Amino acid sequence: MSWPNATFLLVKTRLKLDVYRPAKVDGASPVVVFFYGGSWQHGDKSIYRFIGAALARAGIVVVIPDYRLYPPAIYPDFLRDSALAVRWAKDNAARFGGDALTLFLAGHSAGAYNAISLATDRRWLAEVRLDPKADLSGAIGIAGPYDFLPLQDEQLKIIFGPEAERPKTQPIHYVNGDEPPLLLLRPAHDTVVDPGNSERLAMRVEQKNGKAILKTYNRVGHLSILGTISPLLSFLAPTRSDLVAFIRENSVR
């Protein structure tokens, strides 16, 4: 880690982020902003140091921000916080050896929702003077929910507001084929998030003539898919190599 606990938002709450960078940087390393999961209710950037370390070893600068959680945060608070972190990453990329022109979003579970929402629904990046197509090289969703109505969980019903407004919270409804390339990774037998979320999103992107790659892993579950980014569990699924390949393939503009 080269930039621990950098502050990127000073409003009512001081949100912080960590930056991981390769041992050798030349200003041309791609940058990934990674959002962790936890049902928008739990999580902390410090838990995901292994993600930053694993991708930094592959030559990638990784930014892992915190974002506000419920309670009291509800939709779209966590998306606005995520957008601010992306703005910070773009503005500061050169300071830690990253290339602001090769900026990717990634996330797991609820964090995948955050990442894909920013890549498909232009409203949130527009608030920080960014545009998904112009400013993102790609977005990666790992075991994420993108089309998950109707809600059954009582906490999620509070988080995502009145039922009549909930369709506006679903990333799949914002796909128009003009979003940056997407990589969607899913466990075949996810018992937490329906793996059909990834399939439906990929199909919608393809229907709109956009670019989405869908990969399914048979030997991992909702949590262990994230663990396979670490070398210790990489034998279960090629998650890390698929991530790195996607980033490298889309780093040339």
Protein backbone atom coordinates (compact mmCIF):
# COMPACT_ATOMS: atom_id res chain seq x y z
CA MET A 1 0.00 0.00 0.00
CA SER A 2 1.41 3.37 -0.93
CA TRP A 3 -1.37 5.78 -0.06
CA PRO A 4 -3.27 4.66 3.06
CA ASN A 5 -6.32 6.50 4.33
CA ALA A 6 -6.33 9.29 1.77
CA THR A 7 -9.34 11.55 2.32
CA PHE A 8 -11.48 12.11 -0.75
CA LEU A 9 -14.66 13.59 0.71
CA LEU A 10 -15.04 16.23 3.37
CA VAL A 11 -18.71 16.87 3.96
CA LYS A 12 -20.50 15.45 6.99
CA THR A 13 -18.40 12.31 6.99
CA ARG A 14 -14.73 11.82 6.26
CA LEU A 15 -14.56 8.96 3.80
CA LYS A 16 -11.17 7.47 3.12
CA LEU A 17 -9.52 5.23 0.58
CA ASP A 18 -6.38 3.16 0.18
CA VAL A 19 -4.17 3.08 -2.89
CA TYR A 20 -2.03 0.10 -3.89
CA ARG A 21 0.52 0.44 -6.62
CA PRO A 22 3.06 -1.80 -8.35
CA ALA A 23 6.61 -1.83 -7.06
CA LYS A 24 7.67 -0.16 -10.30
CA VAL A 25 5.46 2.44 -11.96
CA ASP A 26 6.11 4.64 -14.96
CA GLY A 27 2.92 6.68 -15.11
CA ALA A 28 1.30 4.28 -17.53
CA SER A 29 -0.24 1.75 -15.16
CA PRO A 30 -4.00 1.21 -15.50
CA VAL A 31 -6.08 2.27 -12.52
CA VAL A 32 -8.88 0.21 -10.96
CA VAL A 33 -11.31 1.58 -8.40
CA PHE A 34 -12.62 -1.43 -6.47
CA PHE A 35 -15.85 -1.31 -4.44
CA TYR A 36 -16.39 -3.99 -1.80
CA GLY A 37 -19.69 -5.69 -1.04
CA GLY A 38 -21.74 -6.22 2.10
CA SER A 39 -25.39 -5.61 1.16
CA TRP A 40 -24.73 -1.83 1.41
CA GLN A 41 -24.77 -2.41 5.19
CA HIS A 42 -21.35 -3.84 6.04
CA GLY A 43 -17.76 -3.61 4.91
CA ASP A 44 -14.49 -1.79 5.30
CA LYS A 45 -11.66 -1.15 2.87
CA SER A 46 -9.10 -2.68 5.22
CA ILE A 47 -10.60 -6.15 4.69
CA TYR A 48 -9.68 -6.08 1.01
CA ARG A 49 -5.96 -5.49 1.14
CA PHE A 50 -5.44 -8.82 -0.59
CA ILE A 51 -7.30 -7.47 -3.64
CA GLY A 52 -5.08 -4.42 -3.86
CA ALA A 53 -1.92 -6.44 -3.34
CA ALA A 54 -2.82 -9.12 -5.89
CA LEU A 55 -3.67 -6.66 -8.65
CA ALA A 56 -0.73 -4.38 -7.86
CA ARG A 57 1.57 -7.35 -8.44
CA ALA A 58 0.05 -7.53 -11.92
CA GLY A 59 1.08 -3.94 -12.66
CA ILE A 60 -2.23 -2.27 -11.79
CA VAL A 61 -2.83 0.69 -9.49
CA VAL A 62 -5.77 -0.12 -7.22
CA VAL A 63 -7.94 2.33 -5.30
CA ILE A 64 -10.22 0.86 -2.62
CA PRO A 65 -12.59 3.44 -1.10
CA ASP A 66 -15.03 3.28 1.75
CA TYR A 67 -18.56 4.52 1.09
CA ARG A 68 -21.47 5.31 3.37
CA LEU A 69 -23.52 2.33 4.52
CA TYR A 70 -27.01 1.74 5.88
CA PRO A 71 -27.96 2.94 8.37
CA PRO A 72 -28.28 5.79 7.73
CA ALA A 73 -27.18 5.79 4.07
CA ILE A 74 -29.76 4.76 1.48
CA TYR A 75 -29.88 4.82 -2.32
CA PRO A 76 -28.27 6.75 -3.95
CA ASP A 77 -25.88 7.86 -1.18
CA PHE A 78 -23.45 5.01 -1.81
CA LEU A 79 -23.44 5.71 -5.55
CA ARG A 80 -22.64 9.36 -4.99
CA ASP A 81 -19.79 8.40 -2.67
CA SER A 82 -18.53 5.91 -5.24
CA ALA A 83 -18.59 8.58 -7.95
CA LEU A 84 -16.57 10.92 -5.74
CA ALA A 85 -13.97 8.19 -5.29
CA VAL A 86 -13.74 7.78 -9.07
CA ARG A 87 -13.27 11.52 -9.47
CA TRP A 88 -10.47 11.42 -6.88
CA ALA A 89 -8.80 8.50 -8.63
CA LYS A 90 -8.84 10.25 -11.98
CA ASP A 91 -7.56 13.53 -10.56
CA ASN A 92 -4.77 11.88 -8.56
CA ALA A 93 -3.76 8.99 -10.83
CA ALA A 94 -0.47 10.57 -11.87
CA ARG A 95 0.55 11.07 -8.23
CA PHE A 96 0.81 7.32 -7.69
CA GLY A 97 1.99 6.23 -11.12
CA GLY A 98 -1.38 5.59 -12.72
CA ASP A 99 -2.73 6.57 -16.11
CA ALA A 100 -5.94 8.59 -15.76
CA LEU A 101 -6.88 7.63 -19.32
CA THR A 102 -7.09 3.93 -18.44
CA LEU A 103 -9.54 3.98 -15.57
CA PHE A 104 -11.61 0.92 -14.65
CA LEU A 105 -14.28 0.25 -12.07
CA ALA A 106 -14.68 -3.09 -10.33
CA GLY A 107 -16.64 -4.49 -7.45
CA HIS A 108 -17.96 -7.56 -5.70
CA SER A 109 -21.63 -8.16 -4.79
CA ALA A 110 -23.09 -4.81 -3.64
CA GLY A 111 -19.83 -3.23 -4.79
CA ALA A 112 -20.39 -4.72 -8.23
CA TYR A 113 -23.75 -2.98 -8.25
CA ASN A 114 -22.00 0.30 -7.45
CA ALA A 115 -19.44 -0.20 -10.21
CA ILE A 116 -21.92 -1.25 -12.89
CA SER A 117 -24.38 1.47 -11.88
CA LEU A 118 -21.73 4.12 -12.45
CA ALA A 119 -20.86 2.56 -15.80
CA THR A 120 -24.46 2.39 -17.06
CA ASP A 121 -26.39 5.19 -15.36
CA ARG A 122 -24.71 8.43 -16.40
CA ARG A 123 -26.29 10.51 -13.65
CA TRP A 124 -23.79 9.67 -10.93
CA LEU A 125 -20.53 10.32 -12.76
CA ALA A 126 -22.10 13.39 -14.35
CA GLU A 127 -22.41 14.86 -10.86
CA VAL A 128 -18.62 14.82 -10.63
CA ARG A 129 -18.10 15.99 -14.23
CA LEU A 130 -17.25 12.59 -15.67
CA ASP A 131 -18.86 10.42 -18.33
CA PRO A 132 -18.83 6.60 -18.37
CA LYS A 133 -18.07 6.26 -22.06
CA ALA A 134 -15.49 9.04 -22.22
CA ASP A 135 -13.74 8.50 -18.90
CA LEU A 136 -13.94 4.75 -18.21
CA SER A 137 -12.04 2.05 -20.04
CA GLY A 138 -14.24 -0.69 -18.62
CA ALA A 139 -16.17 -1.99 -15.62
CA ILE A 140 -16.00 -5.36 -13.87
CA GLY A 141 -18.79 -6.90 -11.84
CA ILE A 142 -18.11 -9.93 -9.64
CA ALA A 143 -21.18 -11.83 -8.39
CA GLY A 144 -23.25 -8.68 -8.57
CA PRO A 145 -26.96 -7.79 -8.53
CA TYR A 146 -28.02 -5.73 -11.53
CA ASP A 147 -31.66 -6.74 -12.03
CA PHE A 148 -32.96 -7.86 -8.65
CA LEU A 149 -36.58 -6.80 -8.27
CA PRO A 150 -38.89 -7.47 -6.54
CA LEU A 151 -37.14 -7.10 -3.22
CA GLN A 152 -37.78 -9.60 -0.45
CA ASP A 153 -35.40 -8.41 2.26
CA GLU A 154 -36.92 -5.79 4.57
CA GLN A 155 -33.66 -3.88 4.97
CA LEU A 156 -33.18 -3.65 1.22
CA LYS A 157 -36.73 -2.32 0.86
CA ILE A 158 -35.72 0.57 3.07
CA ILE A 159 -32.39 1.08 1.33
CA PHE A 160 -33.90 1.22 -2.16
CA GLY A 161 -36.93 3.31 -1.30
CA PRO A 162 -40.57 3.24 -2.37
CA GLU A 163 -41.57 0.30 -4.53
CA ALA A 164 -42.77 2.49 -7.39
CA GLU A 165 -39.34 4.10 -7.62
CA ARG A 166 -37.22 0.95 -7.41
CA PRO A 167 -37.04 0.21 -11.16
CA LYS A 168 -34.96 3.39 -11.43
CA THR A 169 -32.34 1.77 -9.17
CA GLN A 170 -31.65 -1.18 -11.48
CA PRO A 171 -28.53 -0.93 -13.69
CA ILE A 172 -30.02 -3.14 -16.39
CA HIS A 173 -32.57 -0.45 -17.26
CA TYR A 174 -29.85 2.03 -18.22
CA VAL A 175 -28.06 -0.13 -20.77
CA ASN A 176 -28.08 1.50 -24.20
CA GLY A 177 -25.03 -0.01 -25.88
CA ASP A 178 -22.92 3.08 -25.27
CA GLU A 179 -21.49 2.00 -21.92
CA PRO A 180 -17.82 1.03 -21.57
CA PRO A 181 -16.90 -2.66 -22.00
CA LEU A 182 -18.16 -4.87 -19.18
CA LEU A 183 -16.68 -8.02 -17.68
CA LEU A 184 -19.21 -9.98 -15.62
CA LEU A 185 -17.91 -12.83 -13.47
CA ARG A 186 -20.25 -15.15 -11.59
CA PRO A 187 -20.28 -18.40 -9.63
CA ALA A 188 -22.46 -20.99 -11.30
CA HIS A 189 -24.25 -21.80 -8.05
CA ASP A 190 -24.34 -18.51 -6.17
CA THR A 191 -26.77 -18.85 -3.25
CA VAL A 192 -26.58 -15.18 -2.22
CA VAL A 193 -27.01 -13.29 -5.49
CA ASP A 194 -28.90 -14.95 -8.33
CA PRO A 195 -26.28 -15.61 -11.05
CA GLY A 196 -29.01 -14.80 -13.55
CA ASN A 197 -28.33 -11.14 -12.80
CA SER A 198 -25.06 -11.33 -14.72
CA GLU A 199 -26.57 -13.30 -17.58
CA ARG A 200 -29.50 -10.93 -18.02
CA LEU A 201 -27.22 -7.90 -17.98
CA ALA A 202 -24.85 -9.43 -20.52
CA MET A 203 -27.77 -10.29 -22.80
CA ARG A 204 -29.16 -6.76 -22.56
CA VAL A 205 -25.79 -5.24 -23.44
CA GLU A 206 -25.47 -7.55 -26.44
CA GLN A 207 -29.01 -6.70 -27.56
CA LYS A 208 -28.01 -3.04 -27.55
CA ASN A 209 -24.82 -3.82 -29.52
CA GLY A 210 -22.54 -3.08 -26.61
CA LYS A 211 -19.65 -5.17 -25.31
CA ALA A 212 -20.05 -7.54 -22.37
CA ILE A 213 -18.05 -10.63 -21.50
CA LEU A 214 -19.72 -13.16 -19.21
CA LYS A 215 -17.65 -15.80 -17.43
CA THR A 216 -19.00 -18.51 -15.15
CA TYR A 217 -16.94 -20.43 -12.60
CA ASN A 218 -18.13 -23.78 -11.30
CA ARG A 219 -15.92 -24.33 -8.25
CA VAL A 220 -16.58 -21.14 -6.28
CA GLY A 221 -19.40 -19.51 -4.36
CA HIS A 222 -20.47 -15.96 -3.65
CA LEU A 223 -17.58 -15.21 -1.30
CA SER A 224 -14.91 -17.60 -2.50
CA ILE A 225 -14.99 -16.13 -6.02
CA LEU A 226 -13.42 -13.02 -4.53
CA GLY A 227 -10.85 -15.07 -2.67
CA THR A 228 -9.61 -16.54 -5.95
CA ILE A 229 -8.09 -13.18 -6.81
CA SER A 230 -5.48 -14.11 -4.22
CA PRO A 231 -2.76 -16.50 -5.42
CA LEU A 232 -3.65 -18.82 -2.53
CA LEU A 233 -7.04 -19.72 -4.03
CA SER A 234 -6.40 -19.07 -7.71
CA PHE A 235 -6.52 -22.81 -8.42
CA LEU A 236 -10.30 -22.68 -7.91
CA ALA A 237 -11.00 -20.17 -10.69
CA PRO A 238 -9.01 -17.93 -13.06
CA THR A 239 -10.62 -14.80 -11.64
CA ARG A 240 -7.41 -12.81 -11.33
CA SER A 241 -6.08 -13.75 -14.76
CA ASP A 242 -9.45 -12.94 -16.37
CA LEU A 243 -9.53 -9.56 -14.62
CA VAL A 244 -5.98 -8.71 -15.64
CA ALA A 245 -6.53 -9.83 -19.24
CA PHE A 246 -9.66 -7.67 -19.53
CA ILE A 247 -7.87 -4.66 -18.11
CA ARG A 248 -4.89 -5.05 -20.42
CA GLU A 249 -7.06 -5.61 -23.49
CA ASN A 250 -9.02 -2.45 -22.80
CA SER A 251 -6.17 -0.21 -21.68
CA VAL A 252 -5.39 1.00 -25.18
CA ARG A 253 -7.67 3.82 -26.26
